[in-house]
Amino acid sequence: MTTTTPTAGVGAQTTEPATRVGRVRKRLNSRTATLVSIVIALLWTVPTFGLFISSFRPEDQIKTTGWWTFFSDPQFTLDNYQEVLFSTGSSGQLASYFINSLAITIPSVLFPLAFAALAAYALAWMNFKGRDLVYIGIFALQIVPLQMALVPLLRFFSTGVTVGGFQILPAWDLVDEQKFAQVWFAHTCFALPFAVFLLHNFISQLPGDLMEAARVDGASHPKIFRTIVLPLITPALAAFGIFQFLWVWNDLLVALIFAGGGDETAPLTVRLAELAGTRGNEWQRLTAGAFVSIVVPLIVFLSLQRFFVRGLLAGSVKG
């Protein structure tokens, strides 16, 4: 004789999450939610649109009228972009700083991605003593403000590490373009805790049967990581890559401290801070320069957009 009680229990367990998800989806697809989304999108994009319009307006128009008056008195000019990108005076040469920002940002994204992916796999699928303590320590590092590490890092770069009067690591003594290595090192250190946490949540929820089948077939950990894990964690890698790229590209403090403000290593943000002039009234430079600075992040975000939401939801649900 069979009973339906267990079946009913299983059905309740399987239908309850689906019902909950359905209610959330229904609320998000309502007219109110759609209207709120449109309002938020407008509030978010209108300032950017105004910045774009202002970057093409003459200097006298920018300093005397608002950008919305463009529609009643449209005037175009490319002098702002010509001045900030290619002029040889103190207001230009933004193109060279643009290259510096790329040289800082790309390695500062790739290094933490590589190290964090390896660390997350080891913490999720390799058994070793103290693994949980290591993970808790990495998670706790997220609450440490990076400003607290600036002085110790500067001392590490300038004097090395000395213990008991014996020098364990020498000073870096880097000059000019070599200082890029200091910025890469700093950004990698600051990014690793969050990167390991995010990727660990994703990797730990990969099917265990898949890993066991690979081990039975004789696959080692490097092969499993390379052929199975990496293709499956692409959304999480893309999500973190977007966050890290935007953070490093828009960073002023870390790059200014560790790379300096010279023409050889200073990023775009340093030059943008100088474009305002001594009295902060050179608005025509700022509009063009600011829009140049956001072009690359926009391209990166739009090109990886399809992975973004999937990566943000990594580790949020099971099954």
Protein backbone atom coordinates (compact mmCIF):
# COMPACT_ATOMS: atom_id res chain seq x y z
CA MET A 1 0.00 0.00 0.00
CA THR A 2 1.38 3.34 -0.99
CA THR A 3 0.82 6.73 0.54
CA THR A 4 0.72 10.10 -1.09
CA THR A 5 2.08 12.01 1.88
CA PRO A 6 5.77 11.95 0.81
CA THR A 7 4.78 12.77 -2.73
CA ALA A 8 2.75 15.71 -1.53
CA GLY A 9 5.67 16.86 0.57
CA VAL A 10 8.06 16.68 -2.36
CA GLY A 11 5.57 18.48 -4.54
CA ALA A 12 5.22 21.21 -1.99
CA GLN A 13 9.01 21.58 -1.82
CA THR A 14 9.37 21.80 -5.58
CA THR A 15 6.38 24.03 -6.30
CA GLU A 16 6.93 26.49 -3.44
CA PRO A 17 10.19 28.00 -4.85
CA ALA A 18 8.64 28.10 -8.33
CA THR A 19 5.57 29.89 -6.96
CA ARG A 20 7.78 32.36 -5.12
CA VAL A 21 9.83 33.04 -8.24
CA GLY A 22 6.62 33.44 -10.23
CA ARG A 23 5.30 36.05 -7.82
CA VAL A 24 8.54 38.02 -8.01
CA ARG A 25 8.56 37.83 -11.81
CA LYS A 26 4.95 38.98 -11.95
CA ARG A 27 5.68 41.98 -9.75
CA LEU A 28 8.72 42.94 -11.83
CA ASN A 29 6.63 42.76 -15.02
CA SER A 30 3.85 44.97 -13.68
CA ARG A 31 3.12 48.41 -15.08
CA THR A 32 4.32 50.10 -11.89
CA ALA A 33 7.68 48.33 -12.07
CA THR A 34 8.02 49.22 -15.74
CA LEU A 35 7.25 52.88 -15.03
CA VAL A 36 9.76 53.00 -12.17
CA SER A 37 12.40 51.41 -14.42
CA ILE A 38 11.79 54.01 -17.13
CA VAL A 39 12.07 56.87 -14.62
CA ILE A 40 15.34 55.48 -13.21
CA ALA A 41 16.74 55.00 -16.72
CA LEU A 42 15.90 58.60 -17.63
CA LEU A 43 17.41 60.00 -14.45
CA TRP A 44 20.55 57.95 -15.12
CA THR A 45 21.00 58.79 -18.81
CA VAL A 46 19.91 62.45 -19.00
CA PRO A 47 23.10 63.80 -17.35
CA THR A 48 25.23 61.71 -19.71
CA PHE A 49 23.25 62.96 -22.68
CA GLY A 50 23.71 66.55 -21.46
CA LEU A 51 27.45 65.95 -21.12
CA PHE A 52 27.55 64.63 -24.68
CA ILE A 53 25.69 67.67 -26.05
CA SER A 54 27.87 70.10 -24.08
CA SER A 55 31.07 68.54 -25.39
CA PHE A 56 30.16 69.76 -28.89
CA ARG A 57 29.07 73.29 -27.88
CA PRO A 58 31.29 76.39 -28.20
CA GLU A 59 33.00 77.69 -25.09
CA ASP A 60 30.90 80.85 -24.80
CA GLN A 61 27.68 78.83 -25.06
CA ILE A 62 28.75 76.33 -22.38
CA LYS A 63 29.70 79.07 -19.91
CA THR A 64 26.58 81.20 -20.37
CA THR A 65 23.67 78.80 -21.02
CA GLY A 66 22.55 75.32 -20.03
CA TRP A 67 22.92 72.36 -22.36
CA TRP A 68 19.14 72.15 -22.92
CA THR A 69 19.24 75.51 -24.76
CA PHE A 70 21.06 73.67 -27.54
CA PHE A 71 17.71 72.63 -29.03
CA SER A 72 16.63 76.26 -29.48
CA ASP A 73 20.03 77.50 -30.67
CA PRO A 74 22.05 74.53 -32.02
CA GLN A 75 25.78 75.24 -32.51
CA PHE A 76 28.38 72.54 -33.13
CA THR A 77 32.15 72.59 -32.81
CA LEU A 78 34.95 70.02 -32.58
CA ASP A 79 37.41 72.47 -31.03
CA ASN A 80 36.87 71.04 -27.53
CA TYR A 81 37.97 67.56 -28.60
CA GLN A 82 40.82 68.95 -30.67
CA GLU A 83 42.04 70.93 -27.68
CA VAL A 84 41.97 68.15 -25.08
CA LEU A 85 43.23 65.35 -27.33
CA PHE A 86 45.93 66.82 -29.50
CA SER A 87 46.88 70.36 -28.44
CA THR A 88 50.44 70.75 -27.16
CA GLY A 89 49.63 73.21 -24.38
CA SER A 90 48.71 72.57 -20.78
CA SER A 91 45.11 71.82 -21.76
CA GLY A 92 45.76 68.99 -24.19
CA GLN A 93 47.65 65.80 -24.93
CA LEU A 94 44.86 63.69 -23.46
CA ALA A 95 45.61 60.97 -25.98
CA SER A 96 48.90 60.00 -24.29
CA TYR A 97 47.19 59.78 -20.88
CA PHE A 98 44.52 57.63 -22.52
CA ILE A 99 47.24 55.11 -23.40
CA ASN A 100 48.55 55.26 -19.83
CA SER A 101 45.08 54.40 -18.49
CA LEU A 102 44.90 51.39 -20.78
CA ALA A 103 48.36 50.27 -19.67
CA ILE A 104 47.26 50.49 -16.04
CA THR A 105 43.76 49.05 -16.37
CA ILE A 106 44.17 45.97 -18.57
CA PRO A 107 46.83 44.19 -16.44
CA SER A 108 45.03 45.33 -13.25
CA VAL A 109 41.98 43.40 -14.46
CA LEU A 110 43.70 40.30 -15.85
CA PHE A 111 46.01 39.64 -12.87
CA PRO A 112 43.28 39.47 -10.18
CA LEU A 113 41.03 37.48 -12.52
CA ALA A 114 43.71 34.82 -13.01
CA PHE A 115 44.82 34.61 -9.38
CA ALA A 116 41.28 34.71 -7.99
CA ALA A 117 40.02 31.98 -10.32
CA LEU A 118 42.82 29.65 -9.25
CA ALA A 119 42.33 30.46 -5.56
CA ALA A 120 38.55 30.06 -5.77
CA TYR A 121 38.87 26.63 -7.40
CA ALA A 122 41.35 25.49 -4.75
CA LEU A 123 39.10 26.69 -1.92
CA ALA A 124 36.02 25.05 -3.47
CA TRP A 125 37.26 21.67 -4.71
CA MET A 126 40.62 20.90 -3.09
CA ASN A 127 40.72 19.53 0.45
CA PHE A 128 43.59 20.81 2.58
CA LYS A 129 44.06 21.67 6.22
CA GLY A 130 42.88 25.14 7.18
CA ARG A 131 40.90 25.71 4.00
CA ASP A 132 37.89 27.21 5.77
CA LEU A 133 40.08 29.52 7.83
CA VAL A 134 41.80 30.75 4.67
CA TYR A 135 38.43 31.46 3.05
CA ILE A 136 37.16 33.30 6.14
CA GLY A 137 40.34 35.38 6.21
CA ILE A 138 39.97 36.31 2.54
CA PHE A 139 36.32 37.21 3.09
CA ALA A 140 37.23 39.40 6.10
CA LEU A 141 39.76 41.36 4.04
CA GLN A 142 36.86 42.93 2.10
CA ILE A 143 36.05 45.20 5.04
CA VAL A 144 39.56 46.70 5.19
CA PRO A 145 39.58 50.16 3.53
CA LEU A 146 42.26 50.37 0.85
CA GLN A 147 43.35 53.75 2.24
CA MET A 148 44.75 51.90 5.28
CA ALA A 149 47.09 49.94 3.04
CA LEU A 150 48.52 52.89 1.10
CA VAL A 151 51.29 53.75 3.59
CA PRO A 152 52.41 50.13 4.18
CA LEU A 153 52.47 49.52 0.42
CA LEU A 154 54.48 52.69 -0.19
CA ARG A 155 56.97 51.60 2.46
CA PHE A 156 57.13 48.14 0.92
CA PHE A 157 57.94 49.59 -2.50
CA SER A 158 60.45 52.15 -1.24
CA THR A 159 62.33 50.23 1.47
CA GLY A 160 61.46 46.56 0.95
CA VAL A 161 60.93 44.18 3.86
CA THR A 162 63.36 43.99 6.78
CA VAL A 163 62.96 41.54 9.67
CA GLY A 164 65.33 41.63 12.64
CA GLY A 165 67.82 43.76 10.77
CA PHE A 166 67.92 41.38 7.80
CA GLN A 167 66.47 42.52 4.51
CA ILE A 168 64.10 39.84 3.21
CA LEU A 169 62.94 41.72 0.11
CA PRO A 170 64.78 44.66 -1.48
CA ALA A 171 63.23 47.97 -2.47
CA TRP A 172 61.70 48.09 -5.91
CA ASP A 173 63.43 51.32 -7.02
CA LEU A 174 61.30 51.71 -10.16
CA VAL A 175 61.37 54.78 -12.42
CA ASP A 176 59.21 56.15 -15.24
CA GLU A 177 57.16 53.42 -17.00
CA GLN A 178 58.41 50.80 -14.56
CA LYS A 179 56.09 52.30 -11.95
CA PHE A 180 53.18 50.68 -13.76
CA ALA A 181 54.17 47.47 -11.94
CA GLN A 182 53.49 49.13 -8.58
CA VAL A 183 49.98 50.12 -9.67
CA TRP A 184 49.27 46.60 -11.00
CA PHE A 185 50.46 45.10 -7.72
CA ALA A 186 48.33 47.47 -5.62
CA HIS A 187 45.13 47.02 -7.65
CA THR A 188 45.61 43.25 -7.68
CA CYS A 189 45.95 43.15 -3.88
CA PHE A 190 42.88 45.33 -3.37
CA ALA A 191 40.74 43.32 -5.83
CA LEU A 192 41.58 39.77 -4.77
CA PRO A 193 39.31 39.43 -1.67
CA PHE A 194 36.11 40.32 -3.52
CA ALA A 195 37.16 38.40 -6.63
CA VAL A 196 37.88 35.21 -4.69
CA PHE A 197 34.60 35.55 -2.79
CA LEU A 198 32.54 36.04 -5.96
CA LEU A 199 34.20 33.28 -7.97
CA HIS A 200 34.18 30.85 -5.04
CA ASN A 201 30.40 31.17 -4.74
CA PHE A 202 30.05 30.31 -8.40
CA ILE A 203 32.60 27.49 -8.58
CA SER A 204 31.41 25.79 -5.38
CA GLN A 205 27.96 25.28 -6.92
CA LEU A 206 29.18 23.48 -10.01
CA PRO A 207 27.83 19.90 -10.14
CA GLY A 208 29.91 17.55 -8.00
CA ASP A 209 29.10 14.62 -10.29
CA LEU A 210 30.84 16.47 -13.10
CA MET A 211 34.02 16.77 -11.06
CA GLU A 212 33.87 13.16 -9.92
CA ALA A 213 33.42 11.93 -13.50
CA ALA A 214 36.47 13.93 -14.57
CA ARG A 215 38.56 12.46 -11.75
CA VAL A 216 37.45 8.94 -12.62
CA ASP A 217 38.61 9.57 -16.19
CA GLY A 218 42.03 10.45 -14.79
CA ALA A 219 41.83 14.25 -15.11
CA SER A 220 44.08 16.21 -12.76
CA HIS A 221 43.11 19.45 -11.04
CA PRO A 222 44.82 21.64 -13.69
CA LYS A 223 43.00 19.81 -16.47
CA ILE A 224 39.64 20.01 -14.67
CA PHE A 225 40.14 23.71 -14.08
CA ARG A 226 41.18 24.41 -17.66
CA THR A 227 38.66 22.27 -19.56
CA ILE A 228 35.61 22.21 -17.27
CA VAL A 229 35.63 25.04 -14.75
CA LEU A 230 36.83 27.95 -16.88
CA PRO A 231 34.14 27.59 -19.59
CA LEU A 232 31.43 27.35 -16.92
CA ILE A 233 32.49 30.40 -14.90
CA THR A 234 32.64 32.80 -17.86
CA PRO A 235 29.62 34.85 -16.60
CA ALA A 236 31.22 35.35 -13.18
CA LEU A 237 34.56 36.27 -14.74
CA ALA A 238 32.84 38.81 -16.98
CA ALA A 239 30.86 40.33 -14.09
CA PHE A 240 33.95 40.82 -11.97
CA GLY A 241 35.94 42.01 -14.99
CA ILE A 242 33.39 44.78 -15.58
CA PHE A 243 33.48 45.90 -11.95
CA GLN A 244 37.27 45.85 -11.80
CA PHE A 245 37.67 47.62 -15.14
CA LEU A 246 35.34 50.45 -14.12
CA TRP A 247 37.02 50.76 -10.72
CA VAL A 248 40.56 50.91 -12.05
CA TRP A 249 39.71 53.12 -15.04
CA ASN A 250 38.02 55.71 -12.82
CA ASP A 251 40.59 55.49 -10.04
CA LEU A 252 42.62 58.59 -9.21
CA LEU A 253 44.04 57.96 -5.72
CA VAL A 254 45.88 54.65 -6.20
CA ALA A 255 47.31 55.51 -9.63
CA LEU A 256 48.41 58.97 -8.52
CA ILE A 257 50.20 57.62 -5.43
CA PHE A 258 51.94 54.61 -6.95
CA ALA A 259 52.44 55.77 -10.55
CA GLY A 260 52.98 59.46 -9.92
CA GLY A 261 51.70 62.43 -11.89
CA GLY A 262 54.30 62.46 -14.64
CA ASP A 263 53.46 62.32 -18.32
CA GLU A 264 54.97 58.83 -18.64
CA THR A 265 52.68 57.08 -16.12
CA ALA A 266 49.80 59.36 -15.08
CA PRO A 267 46.34 58.01 -16.01
CA LEU A 268 43.50 59.83 -17.68
CA THR A 269 41.88 60.78 -14.38
CA VAL A 270 44.94 62.77 -13.32
CA ARG A 271 44.82 64.79 -16.53
CA LEU A 272 41.08 65.37 -16.20
CA ALA A 273 41.63 66.88 -12.76
CA GLU A 274 44.07 69.32 -14.34
CA LEU A 275 41.78 70.30 -17.22
CA ALA A 276 39.50 72.37 -15.01
CA GLY A 277 42.17 75.07 -14.77
CA THR A 278 43.40 76.86 -11.65
CA ARG A 279 39.96 78.36 -10.99
CA GLY A 280 37.84 75.46 -12.19
CA ASN A 281 36.20 77.43 -14.99
CA GLU A 282 37.40 75.56 -18.08
CA TRP A 283 34.13 73.66 -18.51
CA GLN A 284 34.50 73.13 -22.24
CA ARG A 285 37.61 71.04 -21.60
CA LEU A 286 35.95 69.00 -18.87
CA THR A 287 32.91 68.09 -20.99
CA ALA A 288 35.00 66.81 -23.88
CA GLY A 289 37.58 65.16 -21.65
CA ALA A 290 34.99 63.48 -19.45
CA PHE A 291 33.15 62.05 -22.43
CA VAL A 292 36.40 60.72 -23.87
CA SER A 293 37.08 59.00 -20.55
CA ILE A 294 33.72 57.18 -20.46
CA VAL A 295 33.83 55.84 -24.02
CA VAL A 296 36.01 52.82 -23.20
CA PRO A 297 34.02 51.76 -20.07
CA LEU A 298 30.81 52.00 -22.09
CA ILE A 299 32.27 49.76 -24.79
CA VAL A 300 33.44 47.23 -22.21
CA PHE A 301 30.10 47.17 -20.42
CA LEU A 302 27.99 46.87 -23.57
CA SER A 303 30.19 44.13 -25.02
CA LEU A 304 29.95 42.04 -21.81
CA GLN A 305 26.38 42.97 -20.92
CA ARG A 306 24.95 39.54 -21.71
CA PHE A 307 27.20 38.01 -19.05
CA PHE A 308 26.65 40.72 -16.47
CA VAL A 309 23.32 39.68 -14.93
CA ARG A 310 24.23 35.99 -15.03
CA GLY A 311 27.45 36.75 -13.22
CA LEU A 312 25.73 38.88 -10.57
CA LEU A 313 23.32 36.03 -9.85
CA ALA A 314 26.18 33.56 -9.43
CA GLY A 315 25.79 31.70 -6.19
CA SER A 316 22.40 33.22 -5.37
CA VAL A 317 20.31 30.12 -6.15
CA LYS A 318 20.85 26.39 -6.22
CA GLY A 319 19.52 23.71 -8.51
